[in-house]
Every structure is written in C-alpha cells, then in structure tokens.
Amino acid sequence: MKGMKYVVYQEGKHYVAQCLNVDVSSFGNDVDEAAINLQEAVQLFMEDQPASTFLTIGDVRFGERHISG
C-alpha cells in the first residue's frame, strides 16, 4: 500500500482533488467525496501503469504567490 498525497480545492460548486504522485484528478460535491473519488481514479489508473509511475512524495508544503497580469 502506498501513501497518496493530494490537494483539494474548490472550483465553482464542486471540489477538485489533484494527486501529486501521478497526474490524475477527480472531483466531488464535498472534500471527502473528491478524495474518495480520487483514490478510486488513481487505483484504476495504476492498473495499467508500471509501479515506477507512482512517485514517492515527501513532506508537502503549499504556498501562494501573486503574479501580475
């Protein structure tokens, strides 16, 4: 069993969950549903991928910077 790291953000009336280990995302009506849907999506994605596709992610920190434009 591997640890999946992800970020969840609100987009409109849904929540989007983005996996950091592989380029897979999903959504739901709330944070928990988005995370559960993401877990299922990643598991399905990994069925057809070599194990090396799943990157090991250490500590995660998020920041915010403002850009002009």
PDB file of N, CA and C in Angstrom:
ATOM      1  N   MET A   1       0.843  -1.181   0.000  1.00  0.00           N
ATOM      2  CA  MET A   1       0.000   0.000   0.000  1.00  0.00           C
ATOM      3  C   MET A   1       0.885   1.240   0.000  1.00  0.00           C
ATOM      4  N   LYS A   2       0.573   2.169  -0.862  1.00  0.00           N
ATOM      5  CA  LYS A   2       1.364   3.392  -0.990  1.00  0.00           C
ATOM      6  C   LYS A   2       0.561   4.576  -0.465  1.00  0.00           C
ATOM      7  N   GLY A   3       1.273   5.556   0.067  1.00  0.00           N
ATOM      8  CA  GLY A   3       0.624   6.774   0.540  1.00  0.00           C
ATOM      9  C   GLY A   3       0.426   7.747  -0.608  1.00  0.00           C
ATOM     10  N   MET A   4      -0.806   8.170  -0.800  1.00  0.00           N
ATOM     11  CA  MET A   4      -1.137   9.100  -1.873  1.00  0.00           C
ATOM     12  C   MET A   4      -1.231  10.507  -1.290  1.00  0.00           C
ATOM     13  N   LYS A   5      -0.509  11.440  -1.881  1.00  0.00           N
ATOM     14  CA  LYS A   5      -0.578  12.843  -1.467  1.00  0.00           C
ATOM     15  C   LYS A   5      -1.422  13.588  -2.497  1.00  0.00           C
ATOM     16  N   TYR A   6      -2.285  14.467  -2.002  1.00  0.00           N
ATOM     17  CA  TYR A   6      -3.176  15.185  -2.909  1.00  0.00           C
ATOM     18  C   TYR A   6      -3.543  16.540  -2.328  1.00  0.00           C
ATOM     19  N   VAL A   7      -4.050  17.387  -3.187  1.00  0.00           N
ATOM     20  CA  VAL A   7      -4.549  18.701  -2.794  1.00  0.00           C
ATOM     21  C   VAL A   7      -5.995  18.794  -3.269  1.00  0.00           C
ATOM     22  N   VAL A   8      -6.815  19.453  -2.470  1.00  0.00           N
ATOM     23  CA  VAL A   8      -8.221  19.647  -2.825  1.00  0.00           C
ATOM     24  C   VAL A   8      -8.507  21.139  -2.848  1.00  0.00           C
ATOM     25  N   TYR A   9      -9.183  21.582  -3.893  1.00  0.00           N
ATOM     26  CA  TYR A   9      -9.570  22.986  -3.971  1.00  0.00           C
ATOM     27  C   TYR A   9     -10.981  23.085  -4.540  1.00  0.00           C
ATOM     28  N   GLN A  10     -11.636  24.180  -4.210  1.00  0.00           N
ATOM     29  CA  GLN A  10     -12.997  24.390  -4.695  1.00  0.00           C
ATOM     30  C   GLN A  10     -12.964  25.073  -6.053  1.00  0.00           C
ATOM     31  N   GLU A  11     -13.770  24.550  -6.956  1.00  0.00           N
ATOM     32  CA  GLU A  11     -13.917  25.137  -8.289  1.00  0.00           C
ATOM     33  C   GLU A  11     -15.415  25.198  -8.586  1.00  0.00           C
ATOM     34  N   GLY A  12     -15.972  26.392  -8.492  1.00  0.00           N
ATOM     35  CA  GLY A  12     -17.423  26.520  -8.645  1.00  0.00           C
ATOM     36  C   GLY A  12     -18.114  25.849  -7.474  1.00  0.00           C
ATOM     37  N   LYS A  13     -19.082  24.984  -7.767  1.00  0.00           N
ATOM     38  CA  LYS A  13     -19.798  24.302  -6.689  1.00  0.00           C
ATOM     39  C   LYS A  13     -19.226  22.917  -6.378  1.00  0.00           C
ATOM     40  N   HIS A  14     -18.137  22.536  -7.026  1.00  0.00           N
ATOM     41  CA  HIS A  14     -17.505  21.241  -6.795  1.00  0.00           C
ATOM     42  C   HIS A  14     -16.134  21.410  -6.144  1.00  0.00           C
ATOM     43  N   TYR A  15     -15.623  20.299  -5.633  1.00  0.00           N
ATOM     44  CA  TYR A  15     -14.268  20.249  -5.093  1.00  0.00           C
ATOM     45  C   TYR A  15     -13.433  19.349  -5.994  1.00  0.00           C
ATOM     46  N   VAL A  16     -12.252  19.804  -6.353  1.00  0.00           N
ATOM     47  CA  VAL A  16     -11.343  19.065  -7.225  1.00  0.00           C
ATOM     48  C   VAL A  16     -10.198  18.535  -6.376  1.00  0.00           C
ATOM     49  N   ALA A  17      -9.900  17.251  -6.528  1.00  0.00           N
ATOM     50  CA  ALA A  17      -8.774  16.624  -5.840  1.00  0.00           C
ATOM     51  C   ALA A  17      -7.729  16.273  -6.887  1.00  0.00           C
ATOM     52  N   GLN A  18      -6.502  16.740  -6.696  1.00  0.00           N
ATOM     53  CA  GLN A  18      -5.397  16.522  -7.635  1.00  0.00           C
ATOM     54  C   GLN A  18      -4.321  15.716  -6.928  1.00  0.00           C
ATOM     55  N   CYS A  19      -3.971  14.566  -7.483  1.00  0.00           N
ATOM     56  CA  CYS A  19      -2.929  13.721  -6.910  1.00  0.00           C
ATOM     57  C   CYS A  19      -1.560  14.300  -7.249  1.00  0.00           C
ATOM     58  N   LEU A  20      -0.652  14.287  -6.284  1.00  0.00           N
ATOM     59  CA  LEU A  20       0.703  14.778  -6.505  1.00  0.00           C
ATOM     60  C   LEU A  20       1.647  13.670  -6.966  1.00  0.00           C
ATOM     61  N   ASN A  21       1.277  12.411  -6.736  1.00  0.00           N
ATOM     62  CA  ASN A  21       2.132  11.283  -7.090  1.00  0.00           C
ATOM     63  C   ASN A  21       2.057  10.917  -8.567  1.00  0.00           C
ATOM     64  N   VAL A  22       0.881  11.072  -9.151  1.00  0.00           N
ATOM     65  CA  VAL A  22       0.655  10.828 -10.578  1.00  0.00           C
ATOM     66  C   VAL A  22      -0.299  11.906 -11.077  1.00  0.00           C
ATOM     67  N   ASP A  23      -0.329  12.122 -12.368  1.00  0.00           N
ATOM     68  CA  ASP A  23      -1.156  13.184 -12.944  1.00  0.00           C
ATOM     69  C   ASP A  23      -2.591  12.698 -13.129  1.00  0.00           C
ATOM     70  N   VAL A  24      -3.309  12.613 -12.007  1.00  0.00           N
ATOM     71  CA  VAL A  24      -4.701  12.172 -12.003  1.00  0.00           C
ATOM     72  C   VAL A  24      -5.479  13.114 -11.096  1.00  0.00           C
ATOM     73  N   SER A  25      -6.685  13.447 -11.506  1.00  0.00           N
ATOM     74  CA  SER A  25      -7.547  14.269 -10.657  1.00  0.00           C
ATOM     75  C   SER A  25      -8.969  13.736 -10.727  1.00  0.00           C
ATOM     76  N   SER A  26      -9.782  14.168  -9.777  1.00  0.00           N
ATOM     77  CA  SER A  26     -11.189  13.825  -9.757  1.00  0.00           C
ATOM     78  C   SER A  26     -11.924  14.930  -9.021  1.00  0.00           C
ATOM     79  N   PHE A  27     -13.219  14.788  -8.863  1.00  0.00           N
ATOM     80  CA  PHE A  27     -13.979  15.837  -8.187  1.00  0.00           C
ATOM     81  C   PHE A  27     -15.127  15.219  -7.403  1.00  0.00           C
ATOM     82  N   GLY A  28     -15.747  16.038  -6.569  1.00  0.00           N
ATOM     83  CA  GLY A  28     -16.908  15.606  -5.799  1.00  0.00           C
ATOM     84  C   GLY A  28     -17.678  16.804  -5.304  1.00  0.00           C
ATOM     85  N   ASN A  29     -18.786  16.527  -4.640  1.00  0.00           N
ATOM     86  CA  ASN A  29     -19.626  17.589  -4.103  1.00  0.00           C
ATOM     87  C   ASN A  29     -19.092  18.162  -2.800  1.00  0.00           C
ATOM     88  N   ASP A  30     -18.170  17.438  -2.152  1.00  0.00           N
ATOM     89  CA  ASP A  30     -17.510  17.937  -0.948  1.00  0.00           C
ATOM     90  C   ASP A  30     -16.085  17.391  -0.928  1.00  0.00           C
ATOM     91  N   VAL A  31     -15.312  17.814   0.058  1.00  0.00           N
ATOM     92  CA  VAL A  31     -13.893  17.439   0.122  1.00  0.00           C
ATOM     93  C   VAL A  31     -13.726  15.929   0.239  1.00  0.00           C
ATOM     94  N   ASP A  32     -14.499  15.295   1.118  1.00  0.00           N
ATOM     95  CA  ASP A  32     -14.365  13.847   1.312  1.00  0.00           C
ATOM     96  C   ASP A  32     -14.719  13.068   0.051  1.00  0.00           C
ATOM     97  N   GLU A  33     -15.788  13.458  -0.613  1.00  0.00           N
ATOM     98  CA  GLU A  33     -16.181  12.770  -1.842  1.00  0.00           C
ATOM     99  C   GLU A  33     -15.115  12.935  -2.921  1.00  0.00           C
ATOM    100  N   ALA A  34     -14.538  14.117  -3.026  1.00  0.00           N
ATOM    101  CA  ALA A  34     -13.476  14.346  -4.009  1.00  0.00           C
ATOM    102  C   ALA A  34     -12.272  13.455  -3.720  1.00  0.00           C
ATOM    103  N   ALA A  35     -11.893  13.324  -2.446  1.00  0.00           N
ATOM    104  CA  ALA A  35     -10.740  12.491  -2.072  1.00  0.00           C
ATOM    105  C   ALA A  35     -11.011  11.014  -2.341  1.00  0.00           C
ATOM    106  N   ILE A  36     -12.205  10.547  -2.013  1.00  0.00           N
ATOM    107  CA  ILE A  36     -12.558   9.144  -2.271  1.00  0.00           C
ATOM    108  C   ILE A  36     -12.575   8.870  -3.772  1.00  0.00           C
ATOM    109  N   ASN A  37     -13.155   9.782  -4.537  1.00  0.00           N
ATOM    110  CA  ASN A  37     -13.184   9.615  -5.995  1.00  0.00           C
ATOM    111  C   ASN A  37     -11.779   9.626  -6.585  1.00  0.00           C
ATOM    112  N   LEU A  38     -10.904  10.464  -6.032  1.00  0.00           N
ATOM    113  CA  LEU A  38      -9.517  10.498  -6.499  1.00  0.00           C
ATOM    114  C   LEU A  38      -8.822   9.176  -6.215  1.00  0.00           C
ATOM    115  N   GLN A  39      -9.016   8.634  -5.022  1.00  0.00           N
ATOM    116  CA  GLN A  39      -8.395   7.355  -4.677  1.00  0.00           C
ATOM    117  C   GLN A  39      -8.811   6.276  -5.679  1.00  0.00           C
ATOM    118  N   GLU A  40     -10.089   6.214  -5.997  1.00  0.00           N
ATOM    119  CA  GLU A  40     -10.575   5.236  -6.974  1.00  0.00           C
ATOM    120  C   GLU A  40      -9.967   5.482  -8.355  1.00  0.00           C
ATOM    121  N   ALA A  41      -9.877   6.748  -8.754  1.00  0.00           N
ATOM    122  CA  ALA A  41      -9.317   7.083 -10.067  1.00  0.00           C
ATOM    123  C   ALA A  41      -7.844   6.699 -10.154  1.00  0.00           C
ATOM    124  N   VAL A  42      -7.087   6.957  -9.086  1.00  0.00           N
ATOM    125  CA  VAL A  42      -5.662   6.605  -9.075  1.00  0.00           C
ATOM    126  C   VAL A  42      -5.498   5.094  -9.121  1.00  0.00           C
ATOM    127  N   GLN A  43      -6.308   4.366  -8.363  1.00  0.00           N
ATOM    128  CA  GLN A  43      -6.220   2.906  -8.385  1.00  0.00           C
ATOM    129  C   GLN A  43      -6.504   2.361  -9.781  1.00  0.00           C
ATOM    130  N   LEU A  44      -7.514   2.891 -10.456  1.00  0.00           N
ATOM    131  CA  LEU A  44      -7.809   2.459 -11.825  1.00  0.00           C
ATOM    132  C   LEU A  44      -6.677   2.819 -12.778  1.00  0.00           C
ATOM    133  N   PHE A  45      -6.135   4.021 -12.646  1.00  0.00           N
ATOM    134  CA  PHE A  45      -5.026   4.466 -13.488  1.00  0.00           C
ATOM    135  C   PHE A  45      -3.819   3.551 -13.324  1.00  0.00           C
ATOM    136  N   MET A  46      -3.505   3.184 -12.083  1.00  0.00           N
ATOM    137  CA  MET A  46      -2.305   2.391 -11.806  1.00  0.00           C
ATOM    138  C   MET A  46      -2.426   0.947 -12.280  1.00  0.00           C
ATOM    139  N   GLU A  47      -3.634   0.475 -12.557  1.00  0.00           N
ATOM    140  CA  GLU A  47      -3.803  -0.888 -13.063  1.00  0.00           C
ATOM    141  C   GLU A  47      -3.059  -1.097 -14.373  1.00  0.00           C
ATOM    142  N   ASP A  48      -2.937  -0.042 -15.177  1.00  0.00           N
ATOM    143  CA  ASP A  48      -2.297  -0.141 -16.492  1.00  0.00           C
ATOM    144  C   ASP A  48      -0.926   0.516 -16.547  1.00  0.00           C
ATOM    145  N   GLN A  49      -0.361   0.850 -15.388  1.00  0.00           N
ATOM    146  CA  GLN A  49       0.916   1.560 -15.347  1.00  0.00           C
ATOM    147  C   GLN A  49       1.948   0.748 -14.563  1.00  0.00           C
ATOM    148  N   PRO A  50       3.230   0.895 -14.908  1.00  0.00           N
ATOM    149  CA  PRO A  50       4.258   0.268 -14.077  1.00  0.00           C
ATOM    150  C   PRO A  50       4.306   0.956 -12.713  1.00  0.00           C
ATOM    151  N   ALA A  51       4.700   0.219 -11.699  1.00  0.00           N
ATOM    152  CA  ALA A  51       4.751   0.762 -10.333  1.00  0.00           C
ATOM    153  C   ALA A  51       5.629   2.003 -10.249  1.00  0.00           C
ATOM    154  N   SER A  52       6.644   2.090 -11.116  1.00  0.00           N
ATOM    155  CA  SER A  52       7.560   3.237 -11.085  1.00  0.00           C
ATOM    156  C   SER A  52       6.877   4.543 -11.492  1.00  0.00           C
ATOM    157  N   THR A  53       5.681   4.465 -12.070  1.00  0.00           N
ATOM    158  CA  THR A  53       4.930   5.664 -12.449  1.00  0.00           C
ATOM    159  C   THR A  53       4.508   6.455 -11.218  1.00  0.00           C
ATOM    160  N   PHE A  54       4.278   5.757 -10.107  1.00  0.00           N
ATOM    161  CA  PHE A  54       3.802   6.368  -8.867  1.00  0.00           C
ATOM    162  C   PHE A  54       4.995   6.950  -8.124  1.00  0.00           C
ATOM    163  N   LEU A  55       5.109   8.278  -8.109  1.00  0.00           N
ATOM    164  CA  LEU A  55       6.238   8.956  -7.476  1.00  0.00           C
ATOM    165  C   LEU A  55       6.071   8.995  -5.965  1.00  0.00           C
ATOM    166  N   THR A  56       7.163   8.792  -5.251  1.00  0.00           N
ATOM    167  CA  THR A  56       7.149   8.940  -3.799  1.00  0.00           C
ATOM    168  C   THR A  56       7.313  10.413  -3.477  1.00  0.00           C
ATOM    169  N   ILE A  57       6.403  10.944  -2.694  1.00  0.00           N
ATOM    170  CA  ILE A  57       6.401  12.359  -2.330  1.00  0.00           C
ATOM    171  C   ILE A  57       6.692  12.469  -0.839  1.00  0.00           C
ATOM    172  N   GLY A  58       7.659  13.299  -0.489  1.00  0.00           N
ATOM    173  CA  GLY A  58       7.983  13.530   0.921  1.00  0.00           C
ATOM    174  C   GLY A  58       7.049  14.555   1.536  1.00  0.00           C
ATOM    175  N   ASP A  59       7.580  15.357   2.440  1.00  0.00           N
ATOM    176  CA  ASP A  59       6.790  16.409   3.076  1.00  0.00           C
ATOM    177  C   ASP A  59       6.240  17.361   2.026  1.00  0.00           C
ATOM    178  N   VAL A  60       5.039  17.825   2.257  1.00  0.00           N
ATOM    179  CA  VAL A  60       4.377  18.723   1.317  1.00  0.00           C
ATOM    180  C   VAL A  60       4.115  20.054   2.005  1.00  0.00           C
ATOM    181  N   ARG A  61       4.467  21.109   1.337  1.00  0.00           N
ATOM    182  CA  ARG A  61       4.154  22.463   1.797  1.00  0.00           C
ATOM    183  C   ARG A  61       3.563  23.216   0.628  1.00  0.00           C
ATOM    184  N   PHE A  62       2.552  23.987   0.908  1.00  0.00           N
ATOM    185  CA  PHE A  62       1.923  24.779  -0.138  1.00  0.00           C
ATOM    186  C   PHE A  62       2.096  26.245   0.174  1.00  0.00           C
ATOM    187  N   GLY A  63       2.274  27.005  -0.864  1.00  0.00           N
ATOM    188  CA  GLY A  63       2.410  28.440  -0.719  1.00  0.00           C
ATOM    189  C   GLY A  63       1.524  29.138  -1.728  1.00  0.00           C
ATOM    190  N   GLU A  64       1.482  30.423  -1.587  1.00  0.00           N
ATOM    191  CA  GLU A  64       0.716  31.234  -2.521  1.00  0.00           C
ATOM    192  C   GLU A  64       1.536  32.466  -2.849  1.00  0.00           C
ATOM    193  N   ARG A  65       1.654  32.760  -4.122  1.00  0.00           N
ATOM    194  CA  ARG A  65       2.354  33.953  -4.597  1.00  0.00           C
ATOM    195  C   ARG A  65       1.441  34.663  -5.571  1.00  0.00           C
ATOM    196  N   HIS A  66       1.514  35.946  -5.578  1.00  0.00           N
ATOM    197  CA  HIS A  66       0.712  36.733  -6.512  1.00  0.00           C
ATOM    198  C   HIS A  66       1.530  37.018  -7.768  1.00  0.00           C
ATOM    199  N   ILE A  67       0.870  36.941  -8.899  1.00  0.00           N
ATOM    200  CA  ILE A  67       1.526  37.234 -10.168  1.00  0.00           C
ATOM    201  C   ILE A  67       0.822  38.421 -10.807  1.00  0.00           C
ATOM    202  N   SER A  68       1.557  39.155 -11.581  1.00  0.00           N
ATOM    203  CA  SER A  68       0.951  40.309 -12.252  1.00  0.00           C
ATOM    204  C   SER A  68       0.228  39.846 -13.505  1.00  0.00           C
ATOM    205  N   GLY A  69      -0.772  40.600 -13.882  1.00  0.00           N
ATOM    206  CA  GLY A  69      -1.453  40.272 -15.118  1.00  0.00           C
ATOM    207  C   GLY A  69      -2.905  40.148 -15.021  1.00  0.00           C
TER     208      GLY A  69
END
